PDB file of all heavy atoms in Angstrom:
ATOM      1  N   GLY A   1      53.812  99.553 -28.213  1.00  0.00           N
ATOM      2  CA  GLY A   1      54.921  99.510 -27.190  1.00  0.00           C
ATOM      3  C   GLY A   1      55.961  98.554 -27.693  1.00  0.00           C
ATOM      4  O   GLY A   1      57.012  98.530 -26.998  1.00  0.00           O
ATOM      5  N   GLY A   2      55.839  97.979 -28.851  1.00  0.00           N
ATOM      6  CA  GLY A   2      56.851  97.097 -29.261  1.00  0.00           C
ATOM      7  C   GLY A   2      56.758  95.642 -28.948  1.00  0.00           C
ATOM      8  O   GLY A   2      57.591  94.751 -29.388  1.00  0.00           O
ATOM      9  N   GLN A   3      55.633  95.248 -28.292  1.00  0.00           N
ATOM     10  CA  GLN A   3      55.580  93.676 -27.959  1.00  0.00           C
ATOM     11  C   GLN A   3      55.125  93.066 -29.166  1.00  0.00           C
ATOM     12  O   GLN A   3      54.325  93.403 -29.981  1.00  0.00           O
ATOM     13  CB  GLN A   3      54.468  93.577 -26.910  1.00  0.00           C
ATOM     14  CG  GLN A   3      54.326  92.029 -26.487  1.00  0.00           C
ATOM     15  CD  GLN A   3      53.309  91.778 -25.408  1.00  0.00           C
ATOM     16  OE1 GLN A   3      52.819  92.752 -24.871  1.00  0.00           O
ATOM     17  NE2 GLN A   3      52.928  90.593 -25.167  1.00  0.00           N
ATOM     18  N   GLY A   4      55.765  91.771 -29.304  1.00  0.00           N
ATOM     19  CA  GLY A   4      55.431  90.954 -30.511  1.00  0.00           C
ATOM     20  C   GLY A   4      54.585  89.804 -30.043  1.00  0.00           C
ATOM     21  O   GLY A   4      54.667  89.329 -28.862  1.00  0.00           O
ATOM     22  N   THR A   5      53.581  89.421 -30.951  1.00  0.00           N
ATOM     23  CA  THR A   5      52.657  88.368 -30.648  1.00  0.00           C
ATOM     24  C   THR A   5      52.543  87.382 -31.886  1.00  0.00           C
ATOM     25  O   THR A   5      52.307  87.904 -32.909  1.00  0.00           O
ATOM     26  CB  THR A   5      51.327  88.967 -30.314  1.00  0.00           C
ATOM     27  OG1 THR A   5      51.367  89.793 -29.234  1.00  0.00           O
ATOM     28  CG2 THR A   5      50.317  87.778 -29.937  1.00  0.00           C
ATOM     29  N   VAL A   6      52.700  86.088 -31.631  1.00  0.00           N
ATOM     30  CA  VAL A   6      52.619  85.081 -32.673  1.00  0.00           C
ATOM     31  C   VAL A   6      51.105  84.783 -32.785  1.00  0.00           C
ATOM     32  O   VAL A   6      50.443  84.591 -31.731  1.00  0.00           O
ATOM     33  CB  VAL A   6      53.407  83.797 -32.232  1.00  0.00           C
ATOM     34  CG1 VAL A   6      53.219  82.819 -33.231  1.00  0.00           C
ATOM     35  CG2 VAL A   6      54.852  84.037 -32.124  1.00  0.00           C
ATOM     36  N   THR A   7      50.603  84.829 -34.035  1.00  0.00           N
ATOM     37  CA  THR A   7      49.145  84.589 -34.185  1.00  0.00           C
ATOM     38  C   THR A   7      48.867  83.308 -34.987  1.00  0.00           C
ATOM     39  O   THR A   7      47.649  83.035 -35.291  1.00  0.00           O
ATOM     40  CB  THR A   7      48.556  85.775 -34.995  1.00  0.00           C
ATOM     41  OG1 THR A   7      49.178  85.872 -36.354  1.00  0.00           O
ATOM     42  CG2 THR A   7      48.769  86.999 -34.240  1.00  0.00           C
ATOM     43  N   ASP A   8      49.919  82.594 -35.468  1.00  0.00           N
ATOM     44  CA  ASP A   8      49.733  81.512 -36.363  1.00  0.00           C
ATOM     45  C   ASP A   8      50.457  80.305 -35.951  1.00  0.00           C
ATOM     46  O   ASP A   8      51.686  80.250 -35.783  1.00  0.00           O
ATOM     47  CB  ASP A   8      50.122  82.051 -37.716  1.00  0.00           C
ATOM     48  CG  ASP A   8      50.040  81.064 -38.906  1.00  0.00           C
ATOM     49  OD1 ASP A   8      49.837  79.909 -38.698  1.00  0.00           O
ATOM     50  OD2 ASP A   8      50.196  81.477 -40.085  1.00  0.00           O
ATOM     51  N   LEU A   9      49.745  79.113 -35.820  1.00  0.00           N
ATOM     52  CA  LEU A   9      50.439  77.926 -35.593  1.00  0.00           C
ATOM     53  C   LEU A   9      50.119  76.887 -36.688  1.00  0.00           C
ATOM     54  O   LEU A   9      50.148  75.618 -36.405  1.00  0.00           O
ATOM     55  CB  LEU A   9      50.079  77.278 -34.251  1.00  0.00           C
ATOM     56  CG  LEU A   9      50.481  78.039 -33.025  1.00  0.00           C
ATOM     57  CD1 LEU A   9      50.092  77.375 -31.681  1.00  0.00           C
ATOM     58  CD2 LEU A   9      52.010  78.304 -32.967  1.00  0.00           C
ATOM     59  N   ARG A  10      49.722  77.298 -37.806  1.00  0.00           N
ATOM     60  CA  ARG A  10      49.162  76.340 -38.770  1.00  0.00           C
ATOM     61  C   ARG A  10      50.176  75.344 -39.334  1.00  0.00           C
ATOM     62  O   ARG A  10      49.705  74.253 -39.791  1.00  0.00           O
ATOM     63  CB  ARG A  10      48.539  77.042 -40.035  1.00  0.00           C
ATOM     64  CG  ARG A  10      49.534  77.894 -40.880  1.00  0.00           C
ATOM     65  CD  ARG A  10      48.837  78.506 -42.001  1.00  0.00           C
ATOM     66  NE  ARG A  10      48.055  79.699 -41.391  1.00  0.00           N
ATOM     67  CZ  ARG A  10      47.314  80.442 -42.176  1.00  0.00           C
ATOM     68  NH1 ARG A  10      47.249  80.216 -43.477  1.00  0.00           N
ATOM     69  NH2 ARG A  10      46.557  81.540 -41.605  1.00  0.00           N
ATOM     70  N   TYR A  11      51.463  75.645 -39.260  1.00  0.00           N
ATOM     71  CA  TYR A  11      52.443  74.599 -39.623  1.00  0.00           C
ATOM     72  C   TYR A  11      53.189  73.930 -38.455  1.00  0.00           C
ATOM     73  O   TYR A  11      54.311  73.348 -38.588  1.00  0.00           O
ATOM     74  CB  TYR A  11      53.475  75.224 -40.530  1.00  0.00           C
ATOM     75  CG  TYR A  11      52.838  75.715 -41.831  1.00  0.00           C
ATOM     76  CD1 TYR A  11      52.635  77.047 -42.061  1.00  0.00           C
ATOM     77  CD2 TYR A  11      52.421  74.825 -42.774  1.00  0.00           C
ATOM     78  CE1 TYR A  11      51.981  77.537 -43.222  1.00  0.00           C
ATOM     79  CE2 TYR A  11      51.692  75.261 -43.913  1.00  0.00           C
ATOM     80  CZ  TYR A  11      51.592  76.620 -44.154  1.00  0.00           C
ATOM     81  OH  TYR A  11      50.969  77.018 -45.302  1.00  0.00           O
ATOM     82  N   SER A  12      52.646  74.052 -37.249  1.00  0.00           N
ATOM     83  CA  SER A  12      53.231  73.457 -36.056  1.00  0.00           C
ATOM     84  C   SER A  12      53.162  71.870 -36.113  1.00  0.00           C
ATOM     85  O   SER A  12      52.360  71.277 -36.915  1.00  0.00           O
ATOM     86  CB  SER A  12      52.533  73.874 -34.797  1.00  0.00           C
ATOM     87  OG  SER A  12      51.258  73.500 -34.699  1.00  0.00           O
ATOM     88  N   ASN A  13      53.935  71.277 -35.395  1.00  0.00           N
ATOM     89  CA  ASN A  13      53.876  69.736 -35.259  1.00  0.00           C
ATOM     90  C   ASN A  13      52.581  69.307 -34.770  1.00  0.00           C
ATOM     91  O   ASN A  13      52.066  68.175 -35.054  1.00  0.00           O
ATOM     92  CB  ASN A  13      55.142  69.238 -34.477  1.00  0.00           C
ATOM     93  CG  ASN A  13      55.028  69.666 -33.011  1.00  0.00           C
ATOM     94  OD1 ASN A  13      54.570  70.689 -32.622  1.00  0.00           O
ATOM     95  ND2 ASN A  13      55.603  68.725 -32.150  1.00  0.00           N
ATOM     96  N   TYR A  14      51.962  70.168 -33.868  1.00  0.00           N
ATOM     97  CA  TYR A  14      50.750  69.761 -33.217  1.00  0.00           C
ATOM     98  C   TYR A  14      49.597  69.621 -34.353  1.00  0.00           C
ATOM     99  O   TYR A  14      48.862  68.746 -34.347  1.00  0.00           O
ATOM    100  CB  TYR A  14      50.295  70.692 -32.165  1.00  0.00           C
ATOM    101  CG  TYR A  14      49.090  70.347 -31.306  1.00  0.00           C
ATOM    102  CD1 TYR A  14      49.377  69.728 -30.079  1.00  0.00           C
ATOM    103  CD2 TYR A  14      47.772  70.523 -31.813  1.00  0.00           C
ATOM    104  CE1 TYR A  14      48.224  69.430 -29.233  1.00  0.00           C
ATOM    105  CE2 TYR A  14      46.713  70.174 -31.012  1.00  0.00           C
ATOM    106  CZ  TYR A  14      46.866  69.649 -29.806  1.00  0.00           C
ATOM    107  OH  TYR A  14      45.822  69.165 -29.057  1.00  0.00           O
ATOM    108  N   VAL A  15      49.650  70.561 -35.289  1.00  0.00           N
ATOM    109  CA  VAL A  15      48.625  70.514 -36.342  1.00  0.00           C
ATOM    110  C   VAL A  15      48.936  69.569 -37.417  1.00  0.00           C
ATOM    111  O   VAL A  15      48.208  68.750 -37.730  1.00  0.00           O
ATOM    112  CB  VAL A  15      48.557  71.980 -36.961  1.00  0.00           C
ATOM    113  CG1 VAL A  15      47.565  72.071 -38.219  1.00  0.00           C
ATOM    114  CG2 VAL A  15      48.124  72.904 -35.965  1.00  0.00           C
ATOM    115  N   LEU A  16      50.252  69.492 -37.950  1.00  0.00           N
ATOM    116  CA  LEU A  16      50.627  68.631 -38.999  1.00  0.00           C
ATOM    117  C   LEU A  16      50.756  67.241 -38.562  1.00  0.00           C
ATOM    118  O   LEU A  16      50.782  66.357 -39.420  1.00  0.00           O
ATOM    119  CB  LEU A  16      51.777  69.159 -39.616  1.00  0.00           C
ATOM    120  CG  LEU A  16      51.727  70.611 -40.250  1.00  0.00           C
ATOM    121  CD1 LEU A  16      53.079  70.911 -41.070  1.00  0.00           C
ATOM    122  CD2 LEU A  16      50.450  70.710 -41.177  1.00  0.00           C
ATOM    123  N   GLY A  17      50.760  66.937 -37.321  1.00  0.00           N
ATOM    124  CA  GLY A  17      50.711  65.624 -36.828  1.00  0.00           C
ATOM    125  C   GLY A  17      49.351  65.004 -36.942  1.00  0.00           C
ATOM    126  O   GLY A  17      49.213  63.717 -36.892  1.00  0.00           O
ATOM    127  N   GLN A  18      48.385  65.820 -37.226  1.00  0.00           N
ATOM    128  CA  GLN A  18      46.976  65.259 -37.354  1.00  0.00           C
ATOM    129  C   GLN A  18      46.403  65.369 -38.845  1.00  0.00           C
ATOM    130  O   GLN A  18      45.470  64.626 -39.164  1.00  0.00           O
ATOM    131  CB  GLN A  18      46.048  66.087 -36.428  1.00  0.00           C
ATOM    132  CG  GLN A  18      46.373  65.986 -35.004  1.00  0.00           C
ATOM    133  CD  GLN A  18      45.512  66.791 -34.177  1.00  0.00           C
ATOM    134  OE1 GLN A  18      44.204  66.649 -34.213  1.00  0.00           O
ATOM    135  NE2 GLN A  18      45.876  67.846 -33.319  1.00  0.00           N
ATOM    136  N   THR A  19      46.942  66.414 -39.584  1.00  0.00           N
ATOM    137  CA  THR A  19      46.383  66.609 -40.950  1.00  0.00           C
ATOM    138  C   THR A  19      47.545  67.262 -41.731  1.00  0.00           C
ATOM    139  O   THR A  19      48.330  67.961 -41.263  1.00  0.00           O
ATOM    140  CB  THR A  19      45.204  67.511 -40.899  1.00  0.00           C
ATOM    141  OG1 THR A  19      44.679  67.678 -42.280  1.00  0.00           O
ATOM    142  CG2 THR A  19      45.596  68.923 -40.371  1.00  0.00           C
ATOM    143  N   ALA A  20      47.571  66.832 -43.028  1.00  0.00           N
ATOM    144  CA  ALA A  20      48.565  67.520 -43.914  1.00  0.00           C
ATOM    145  C   ALA A  20      47.998  68.961 -44.379  1.00  0.00           C
ATOM    146  O   ALA A  20      46.808  69.057 -44.534  1.00  0.00           O
ATOM    147  CB  ALA A  20      48.685  66.611 -45.196  1.00  0.00           C
ATOM    148  N   PRO A  21      48.810  69.894 -44.584  1.00  0.00           N
ATOM    149  CA  PRO A  21      48.351  71.124 -44.960  1.00  0.00           C
ATOM    150  C   PRO A  21      47.651  71.115 -46.380  1.00  0.00           C
ATOM    151  O   PRO A  21      48.472  70.723 -47.310  1.00  0.00           O
ATOM    152  CB  PRO A  21      49.587  72.021 -44.837  1.00  0.00           C
ATOM    153  CG  PRO A  21      50.750  71.024 -45.105  1.00  0.00           C
ATOM    154  CD  PRO A  21      50.272  69.950 -44.428  1.00  0.00           C
ATOM    155  N   PRO A  22      46.589  71.712 -46.627  1.00  0.00           N
ATOM    156  CA  PRO A  22      46.049  71.737 -47.895  1.00  0.00           C
ATOM    157  C   PRO A  22      46.879  72.606 -48.902  1.00  0.00           C
ATOM    158  O   PRO A  22      47.009  72.323 -49.994  1.00  0.00           O
ATOM    159  CB  PRO A  22      44.649  72.355 -47.643  1.00  0.00           C
ATOM    160  CG  PRO A  22      44.319  72.104 -46.291  1.00  0.00           C
ATOM    161  CD  PRO A  22      45.727  72.142 -45.500  1.00  0.00           C
ATOM    162  N   ASP A  23      47.461  73.726 -48.328  1.00  0.00           N
ATOM    163  CA  ASP A  23      48.321  74.548 -49.085  1.00  0.00           C
ATOM    164  C   ASP A  23      49.689  74.570 -48.492  1.00  0.00           C
ATOM    165  O   ASP A  23      49.855  74.752 -47.248  1.00  0.00           O
ATOM    166  CB  ASP A  23      47.770  76.000 -49.016  1.00  0.00           C
ATOM    167  CG  ASP A  23      46.492  76.189 -49.791  1.00  0.00           C
ATOM    168  OD1 ASP A  23      46.293  75.357 -50.751  1.00  0.00           O
ATOM    169  OD2 ASP A  23      45.727  77.023 -49.491  1.00  0.00           O
ATOM    170  N   PRO A  24      50.761  74.401 -49.186  1.00  0.00           N
ATOM    171  CA  PRO A  24      52.168  74.424 -48.694  1.00  0.00           C
ATOM    172  C   PRO A  24      52.481  75.800 -48.378  1.00  0.00           C
ATOM    173  O   PRO A  24      51.978  76.761 -49.058  1.00  0.00           O
ATOM    174  CB  PRO A  24      53.006  73.751 -49.828  1.00  0.00           C
ATOM    175  CG  PRO A  24      52.187  73.980 -51.032  1.00  0.00           C
ATOM    176  CD  PRO A  24      50.718  73.874 -50.685  1.00  0.00           C
ATOM    177  N   PRO A  25      53.369  76.098 -47.493  1.00  0.00           N
ATOM    178  CA  PRO A  25      53.861  77.475 -47.103  1.00  0.00           C
ATOM    179  C   PRO A  25      54.433  78.010 -48.296  1.00  0.00           C
ATOM    180  O   PRO A  25      55.232  77.433 -49.018  1.00  0.00           O
ATOM    181  CB  PRO A  25      54.644  77.252 -45.973  1.00  0.00           C
ATOM    182  CG  PRO A  25      55.217  75.875 -46.027  1.00  0.00           C
ATOM    183  CD  PRO A  25      54.123  75.104 -46.561  1.00  0.00           C
ATOM    184  N   THR A  26      54.258  79.332 -48.478  1.00  0.00           N
ATOM    185  CA  THR A  26      54.908  80.072 -49.612  1.00  0.00           C
ATOM    186  C   THR A  26      56.164  80.832 -49.094  1.00  0.00           C
ATOM    187  O   THR A  26      57.021  81.097 -50.009  1.00  0.00           O
ATOM    188  CB  THR A  26      53.997  81.105 -50.205  1.00  0.00           C
ATOM    189  OG1 THR A  26      53.423  81.973 -49.244  1.00  0.00           O
ATOM    190  CG2 THR A  26      52.792  80.434 -50.828  1.00  0.00           C
ATOM    191  N   ASP A  27      56.292  81.018 -47.827  1.00  0.00           N
ATOM    192  CA  ASP A  27      57.534  81.700 -47.227  1.00  0.00           C
ATOM    193  C   ASP A  27      58.384  80.772 -46.759  1.00  0.00           C
ATOM    194  O   ASP A  27      58.756  80.820 -45.434  1.00  0.00           O
ATOM    195  CB  ASP A  27      57.065  82.763 -46.193  1.00  0.00           C
ATOM    196  CG  ASP A  27      56.015  82.341 -45.296  1.00  0.00           C
ATOM    197  OD1 ASP A  27      55.634  81.045 -45.340  1.00  0.00           O
ATOM    198  OD2 ASP A  27      55.409  83.111 -44.609  1.00  0.00           O
ATOM    199  N   LEU A  28      58.995  79.862 -47.498  1.00  0.00           N
ATOM    200  CA  LEU A  28      59.921  78.835 -47.013  1.00  0.00           C
ATOM    201  C   LEU A  28      61.273  79.385 -46.493  1.00  0.00           C
ATOM    202  O   LEU A  28      61.812  78.592 -45.638  1.00  0.00           O
ATOM    203  CB  LEU A  28      60.213  77.860 -48.244  1.00  0.00           C
ATOM    204  CG  LEU A  28      59.062  77.081 -48.780  1.00  0.00           C
ATOM    205  CD1 LEU A  28      59.544  76.250 -50.014  1.00  0.00           C
ATOM    206  CD2 LEU A  28      58.576  76.132 -47.677  1.00  0.00           C
TER     207      LEU A  28
END
């Protein structure tokens, strides 16, 4: 029906405020 859903918060401030990402994002 066209609804969009976000499935990924791995680079959010909530996550990165606690741990550094093991892999940097590739889609800068």
